[in-house]
Amino acid sequence: MLNWSQCSAVECVPGKVSDAWTFRGTRVPVKALFDNLEDGATIREFLEWFPGVTKQQVETVLEFASQSLAVAEPT
């Protein structure tokens, strides 16, 4: 499980979107990014569908997830 509290592009506000991690300043759950990418959407499409999210936020989240997974892999 990723520790999203270490990612500057997201926030978890009690009572907001069922306490889900969201892109900072939006009501868009981080999970929506991964669900859409898994379903074949491009980052460009995601940004069109969720205009409050910035490309920088998406890049930061993907980089954070990538780095976190790399650290978690057994050597």
Protein backbone atom coordinates (compact mmCIF):
# COMPACT_ATOMS: atom_id res chain seq x y z
CA MET A 1 0.00 0.00 0.00
CA LEU A 2 1.35 3.41 -0.95
CA ASN A 3 1.73 6.14 1.67
CA TRP A 4 0.04 8.95 -0.25
CA SER A 5 0.69 11.40 2.58
CA GLN A 6 4.22 11.73 1.14
CA CYS A 7 2.95 12.85 -2.29
CA SER A 8 2.58 16.62 -2.72
CA ALA A 9 -0.02 16.34 -5.51
CA VAL A 10 -2.71 14.72 -3.37
CA GLU A 11 -4.63 15.30 -0.16
CA CYS A 12 -7.04 13.48 2.10
CA VAL A 13 -9.55 15.79 3.76
CA PRO A 14 -11.82 14.20 6.38
CA GLY A 15 -15.39 14.12 5.08
CA LYS A 16 -14.39 15.01 1.52
CA VAL A 17 -15.12 12.31 -1.11
CA SER A 18 -15.54 9.65 1.59
CA ASP A 19 -12.07 10.38 2.98
CA ALA A 20 -10.43 9.22 -0.26
CA TRP A 21 -7.08 10.54 -1.47
CA THR A 22 -7.86 13.17 -4.07
CA PHE A 23 -5.84 15.37 -6.37
CA ARG A 24 -5.04 18.46 -4.29
CA GLY A 25 -7.68 21.16 -4.69
CA THR A 26 -10.16 18.85 -6.44
CA ARG A 27 -12.74 16.21 -5.63
CA VAL A 28 -11.16 13.76 -8.09
CA PRO A 29 -9.95 10.58 -6.38
CA VAL A 30 -6.44 9.40 -7.22
CA LYS A 31 -7.99 5.98 -7.81
CA ALA A 32 -9.88 7.46 -10.79
CA LEU A 33 -6.55 8.00 -12.57
CA PHE A 34 -5.44 4.41 -12.14
CA ASP A 35 -8.90 3.02 -12.97
CA ASN A 36 -9.05 5.04 -16.19
CA LEU A 37 -5.50 4.14 -17.23
CA GLU A 38 -6.23 0.49 -16.52
CA ASP A 39 -9.29 0.73 -18.77
CA GLY A 40 -7.14 2.04 -21.63
CA ALA A 41 -7.55 5.80 -21.29
CA THR A 42 -4.62 8.06 -22.07
CA ILE A 43 -3.38 10.76 -19.72
CA ARG A 44 -4.64 13.35 -22.19
CA GLU A 45 -8.13 11.83 -22.07
CA PHE A 46 -8.06 11.73 -18.28
CA LEU A 47 -7.13 15.42 -18.14
CA GLU A 48 -9.98 16.25 -20.55
CA TRP A 49 -12.48 14.29 -18.46
CA PHE A 50 -11.27 15.79 -15.16
CA PRO A 51 -10.38 19.42 -15.99
CA GLY A 52 -9.55 20.36 -12.38
CA VAL A 53 -6.57 18.00 -12.40
CA THR A 54 -3.32 19.30 -13.89
CA LYS A 55 -0.80 17.43 -15.99
CA GLN A 56 1.82 18.17 -13.32
CA GLN A 57 -0.35 16.52 -10.66
CA VAL A 58 -0.77 13.40 -12.81
CA GLU A 59 2.97 13.25 -13.51
CA THR A 60 3.75 13.69 -9.81
CA VAL A 61 1.32 10.91 -8.80
CA LEU A 62 2.65 8.50 -11.43
CA GLU A 63 6.27 9.25 -10.47
CA PHE A 64 5.47 8.82 -6.78
CA ALA A 65 3.76 5.49 -7.44
CA SER A 66 6.64 4.33 -9.63
CA GLN A 67 9.26 5.26 -7.03
CA SER A 68 7.25 3.71 -4.22
CA LEU A 69 6.87 0.46 -6.13
CA ALA A 70 10.56 0.37 -7.01
CA VAL A 71 11.44 0.70 -3.31
CA ALA A 72 8.96 -2.03 -2.40
CA GLU A 73 10.36 -4.59 -4.89
CA PRO A 74 12.46 -7.35 -3.35
CA THR A 75 16.12 -7.33 -4.32
